[in-house]
Amino acid sequence: LCWAKLFSIFLKKKGINMICPYCKLEMKKGYIYNGRDDLRWTPEDIQPSLFINFNKNNEIILSKSKYIFRNKILTYRCSKCKILIICENSVV
């Protein structure tokens, strides 16, 4: 489990969802869905591959593509700060 998920479990026991690390307001739980393409994070200084689903060594795969079904990744969103916290290990 990632720290975000563990922290979420702790907060839920207290009756609170995820807290934004910037403004300290409650964040809304949601999901990012992927379809036919891998969902990946790429460092700013690296050009992503020109080929779909051909990942470079320095890219982090958040969700592998499924051609019939789609994956979802647990996220928490702050509506004030407009940021997302993504839990990499929470692909459903």
N, C-alpha and C. Protein backbone atom coordinates (compact mmCIF):
# COMPACT_ATOMS: atom_id res chain seq x y z
N LEU A 1 0.84 -1.19 0.00
CA LEU A 1 0.00 0.00 0.00
C LEU A 1 0.88 1.25 0.00
N CYS A 2 0.45 2.27 -0.71
CA CYS A 2 1.20 3.52 -0.71
C CYS A 2 0.80 4.35 0.51
N TRP A 3 1.60 5.36 0.81
CA TRP A 3 1.35 6.17 2.00
C TRP A 3 0.00 6.85 1.91
N ALA A 4 -0.41 7.26 0.70
CA ALA A 4 -1.69 7.95 0.55
C ALA A 4 -2.84 7.04 0.95
N LYS A 5 -2.76 5.78 0.56
CA LYS A 5 -3.83 4.85 0.90
C LYS A 5 -3.83 4.55 2.41
N LEU A 6 -2.66 4.36 2.98
CA LEU A 6 -2.57 4.11 4.43
C LEU A 6 -3.09 5.30 5.23
N PHE A 7 -2.70 6.49 4.80
CA PHE A 7 -3.16 7.70 5.47
C PHE A 7 -4.67 7.86 5.32
N SER A 8 -5.18 7.48 4.14
CA SER A 8 -6.62 7.53 3.90
C SER A 8 -7.37 6.60 4.84
N ILE A 9 -6.84 5.41 5.06
CA ILE A 9 -7.48 4.45 5.97
C ILE A 9 -7.51 5.02 7.39
N PHE A 10 -6.39 5.62 7.82
CA PHE A 10 -6.33 6.24 9.14
C PHE A 10 -7.37 7.36 9.27
N LEU A 11 -7.44 8.22 8.26
CA LEU A 11 -8.38 9.34 8.31
C LEU A 11 -9.83 8.87 8.29
N LYS A 12 -10.11 7.82 7.51
CA LYS A 12 -11.48 7.30 7.44
C LYS A 12 -11.96 6.82 8.80
N LYS A 13 -11.05 6.22 9.56
CA LYS A 13 -11.42 5.77 10.91
C LYS A 13 -11.78 6.96 11.79
N LYS A 14 -11.22 8.12 11.47
CA LYS A 14 -11.52 9.35 12.20
C LYS A 14 -12.70 10.10 11.55
N GLY A 15 -13.26 9.55 10.45
CA GLY A 15 -14.38 10.19 9.77
C GLY A 15 -13.97 11.29 8.80
N ILE A 16 -12.71 11.27 8.37
CA ILE A 16 -12.19 12.31 7.47
C ILE A 16 -11.62 11.63 6.22
N ASN A 17 -11.80 12.27 5.05
CA ASN A 17 -11.14 11.79 3.83
C ASN A 17 -9.72 12.35 3.78
N MET A 18 -9.04 12.23 2.65
CA MET A 18 -7.68 12.72 2.47
C MET A 18 -7.63 14.24 2.66
N ILE A 19 -6.56 14.72 3.26
CA ILE A 19 -6.36 16.15 3.50
C ILE A 19 -5.32 16.67 2.51
N CYS A 20 -5.60 17.82 1.91
CA CYS A 20 -4.68 18.44 0.96
C CYS A 20 -3.41 18.89 1.69
N PRO A 21 -2.22 18.53 1.17
CA PRO A 21 -0.99 18.92 1.84
C PRO A 21 -0.68 20.42 1.72
N TYR A 22 -1.39 21.13 0.84
CA TYR A 22 -1.14 22.56 0.64
C TYR A 22 -2.07 23.45 1.46
N CYS A 23 -3.38 23.24 1.31
CA CYS A 23 -4.34 24.11 1.98
C CYS A 23 -4.98 23.47 3.21
N LYS A 24 -4.74 22.19 3.41
CA LYS A 24 -5.25 21.43 4.57
C LYS A 24 -6.76 21.23 4.56
N LEU A 25 -7.40 21.41 3.40
CA LEU A 25 -8.82 21.11 3.27
C LEU A 25 -9.01 19.66 2.85
N GLU A 26 -10.21 19.15 3.03
CA GLU A 26 -10.51 17.77 2.67
C GLU A 26 -10.50 17.60 1.15
N MET A 27 -9.93 16.49 0.70
CA MET A 27 -9.86 16.20 -0.74
C MET A 27 -10.96 15.20 -1.09
N LYS A 28 -11.37 15.22 -2.36
CA LYS A 28 -12.41 14.31 -2.82
C LYS A 28 -11.76 13.10 -3.48
N LYS A 29 -12.24 11.93 -3.10
CA LYS A 29 -11.74 10.67 -3.67
C LYS A 29 -12.34 10.47 -5.05
N GLY A 30 -11.52 9.98 -5.98
CA GLY A 30 -11.99 9.70 -7.34
C GLY A 30 -11.03 8.78 -8.05
N TYR A 31 -11.20 8.65 -9.35
CA TYR A 31 -10.38 7.73 -10.14
C TYR A 31 -9.98 8.36 -11.46
N ILE A 32 -8.83 7.97 -11.98
CA ILE A 32 -8.42 8.26 -13.35
C ILE A 32 -8.52 6.93 -14.09
N TYR A 33 -9.19 6.96 -15.23
CA TYR A 33 -9.37 5.74 -16.02
C TYR A 33 -8.45 5.78 -17.23
N ASN A 34 -7.96 4.61 -17.61
CA ASN A 34 -7.22 4.53 -18.86
C ASN A 34 -7.92 3.56 -19.80
N GLY A 35 -7.66 3.72 -21.07
CA GLY A 35 -8.29 2.87 -22.07
C GLY A 35 -7.27 1.99 -22.76
N ARG A 36 -7.05 2.22 -24.03
CA ARG A 36 -6.15 1.37 -24.82
C ARG A 36 -4.68 1.66 -24.61
N ASP A 37 -4.34 2.83 -24.11
CA ASP A 37 -2.94 3.20 -23.94
C ASP A 37 -2.52 3.05 -22.48
N ASP A 38 -1.23 2.74 -22.29
CA ASP A 38 -0.67 2.73 -20.95
C ASP A 38 -0.76 4.14 -20.37
N LEU A 39 -1.02 4.22 -19.10
CA LEU A 39 -0.98 5.51 -18.41
C LEU A 39 0.36 5.56 -17.70
N ARG A 40 1.17 6.56 -18.03
CA ARG A 40 2.52 6.59 -17.49
C ARG A 40 2.92 8.02 -17.12
N TRP A 41 3.86 8.09 -16.18
CA TRP A 41 4.44 9.36 -15.77
C TRP A 41 5.82 9.45 -16.39
N THR A 42 6.12 10.61 -16.99
CA THR A 42 7.40 10.82 -17.65
C THR A 42 8.07 12.06 -17.04
N PRO A 43 9.35 11.97 -16.67
CA PRO A 43 10.05 13.15 -16.15
C PRO A 43 10.03 14.29 -17.16
N GLU A 44 10.03 15.50 -16.64
CA GLU A 44 9.93 16.71 -17.48
C GLU A 44 11.01 16.79 -18.54
N ASP A 45 12.22 16.37 -18.23
CA ASP A 45 13.34 16.53 -19.16
C ASP A 45 13.50 15.36 -20.14
N ILE A 46 12.56 14.44 -20.16
CA ILE A 46 12.62 13.27 -21.05
C ILE A 46 11.48 13.33 -22.06
N GLN A 47 11.80 13.08 -23.32
CA GLN A 47 10.76 13.01 -24.35
C GLN A 47 10.09 11.64 -24.29
N PRO A 48 8.75 11.58 -24.26
CA PRO A 48 8.10 10.27 -24.27
C PRO A 48 8.31 9.56 -25.60
N SER A 49 8.12 8.26 -25.58
CA SER A 49 8.28 7.46 -26.79
C SER A 49 7.26 7.90 -27.84
N LEU A 50 7.66 7.84 -29.09
CA LEU A 50 6.75 8.16 -30.18
C LEU A 50 5.74 7.05 -30.43
N PHE A 51 6.06 5.85 -29.95
CA PHE A 51 5.20 4.70 -30.16
C PHE A 51 4.28 4.49 -28.95
N ILE A 52 3.03 4.19 -29.20
CA ILE A 52 2.06 3.94 -28.13
C ILE A 52 2.45 2.67 -27.39
N ASN A 53 2.39 2.72 -26.08
CA ASN A 53 2.66 1.58 -25.20
C ASN A 53 4.09 1.05 -25.31
N PHE A 54 5.01 1.88 -25.78
CA PHE A 54 6.43 1.52 -25.80
C PHE A 54 7.11 2.47 -24.83
N ASN A 55 7.30 2.01 -23.61
CA ASN A 55 7.76 2.88 -22.54
C ASN A 55 9.27 2.86 -22.41
N LYS A 56 9.83 4.02 -22.08
CA LYS A 56 11.26 4.14 -21.83
C LYS A 56 11.56 3.74 -20.39
N ASN A 57 12.83 3.44 -20.11
CA ASN A 57 13.24 2.98 -18.79
C ASN A 57 12.95 3.98 -17.68
N ASN A 58 13.01 5.27 -17.98
CA ASN A 58 12.83 6.27 -16.93
C ASN A 58 11.37 6.70 -16.77
N GLU A 59 10.44 6.09 -17.47
CA GLU A 59 9.02 6.38 -17.31
C GLU A 59 8.42 5.41 -16.28
N ILE A 60 7.46 5.88 -15.54
CA ILE A 60 6.81 5.05 -14.53
C ILE A 60 5.42 4.69 -15.04
N ILE A 61 5.16 3.40 -15.16
CA ILE A 61 3.85 2.91 -15.60
C ILE A 61 2.89 3.00 -14.42
N LEU A 62 1.85 3.79 -14.58
CA LEU A 62 0.82 3.89 -13.55
C LEU A 62 -0.26 2.85 -13.78
N SER A 63 -0.52 2.53 -15.05
CA SER A 63 -1.54 1.55 -15.38
C SER A 63 -1.27 0.99 -16.77
N LYS A 64 -1.16 -0.33 -16.87
CA LYS A 64 -0.97 -0.99 -18.17
C LYS A 64 -2.31 -1.04 -18.89
N SER A 65 -2.25 -0.93 -20.20
CA SER A 65 -3.47 -0.94 -20.99
C SER A 65 -4.13 -2.32 -20.97
N LYS A 66 -5.43 -2.32 -21.05
CA LYS A 66 -6.22 -3.53 -21.24
C LYS A 66 -7.11 -3.25 -22.44
N TYR A 67 -7.08 -4.12 -23.39
CA TYR A 67 -7.76 -3.81 -24.65
C TYR A 67 -9.27 -3.96 -24.59
N ILE A 68 -9.79 -4.72 -23.66
CA ILE A 68 -11.24 -4.88 -23.54
C ILE A 68 -11.76 -4.11 -22.34
N PHE A 69 -11.04 -4.20 -21.23
CA PHE A 69 -11.46 -3.54 -20.00
C PHE A 69 -10.60 -2.32 -19.76
N ARG A 70 -11.01 -1.48 -18.83
CA ARG A 70 -10.19 -0.34 -18.47
C ARG A 70 -9.81 -0.41 -17.00
N ASN A 71 -8.65 0.13 -16.70
CA ASN A 71 -8.19 0.20 -15.32
C ASN A 71 -8.62 1.52 -14.71
N LYS A 72 -8.61 1.57 -13.41
CA LYS A 72 -8.81 2.86 -12.74
C LYS A 72 -7.77 2.99 -11.65
N ILE A 73 -7.29 4.23 -11.46
CA ILE A 73 -6.26 4.53 -10.48
C ILE A 73 -6.87 5.45 -9.44
N LEU A 74 -6.71 5.08 -8.18
CA LEU A 74 -7.23 5.88 -7.08
C LEU A 74 -6.51 7.22 -7.02
N THR A 75 -7.29 8.31 -6.93
CA THR A 75 -6.73 9.65 -6.79
C THR A 75 -7.56 10.43 -5.78
N TYR A 76 -6.94 11.46 -5.25
CA TYR A 76 -7.63 12.42 -4.39
C TYR A 76 -7.41 13.79 -5.00
N ARG A 77 -8.48 14.61 -5.10
CA ARG A 77 -8.40 15.92 -5.75
C ARG A 77 -8.81 17.02 -4.78
N CYS A 78 -8.01 18.09 -4.76
CA CYS A 78 -8.36 19.27 -4.00
C CYS A 78 -8.99 20.27 -4.95
N SER A 79 -10.24 20.65 -4.70
CA SER A 79 -10.94 21.57 -5.61
C SER A 79 -10.43 23.00 -5.47
N LYS A 80 -9.83 23.32 -4.34
CA LYS A 80 -9.28 24.67 -4.16
C LYS A 80 -7.93 24.81 -4.86
N CYS A 81 -7.02 23.88 -4.61
CA CYS A 81 -5.66 23.96 -5.16
C CYS A 81 -5.54 23.38 -6.57
N LYS A 82 -6.56 22.61 -6.97
CA LYS A 82 -6.55 21.96 -8.30
C LYS A 82 -5.37 21.01 -8.46
N ILE A 83 -5.11 20.21 -7.41
CA ILE A 83 -4.05 19.21 -7.49
C ILE A 83 -4.65 17.82 -7.25
N LEU A 84 -3.94 16.81 -7.73
CA LEU A 84 -4.31 15.42 -7.52
C LEU A 84 -3.19 14.71 -6.77
N ILE A 85 -3.57 13.81 -5.89
CA ILE A 85 -2.62 12.88 -5.30
C ILE A 85 -2.96 11.53 -5.90
N ILE A 86 -1.97 10.90 -6.52
CA ILE A 86 -2.18 9.63 -7.19
C ILE A 86 -1.45 8.54 -6.42
N CYS A 87 -2.15 7.47 -6.15
CA CYS A 87 -1.55 6.33 -5.48
C CYS A 87 -1.16 5.31 -6.55
N GLU A 88 0.14 5.20 -6.82
CA GLU A 88 0.62 4.33 -7.91
C GLU A 88 0.25 2.88 -7.73
N ASN A 89 0.15 2.41 -6.51
CA ASN A 89 -0.11 0.99 -6.25
C ASN A 89 -1.59 0.65 -6.14
N SER A 90 -2.46 1.53 -6.59
CA SER A 90 -3.88 1.31 -6.38
C SER A 90 -4.66 1.04 -7.67
N VAL A 91 -4.01 0.45 -8.66
CA VAL A 91 -4.70 0.16 -9.92
C VAL A 91 -5.79 -0.87 -9.66
N VAL A 92 -7.01 -0.55 -10.04
CA VAL A 92 -8.15 -1.43 -9.82
C VAL A 92 -8.67 -1.89 -11.18
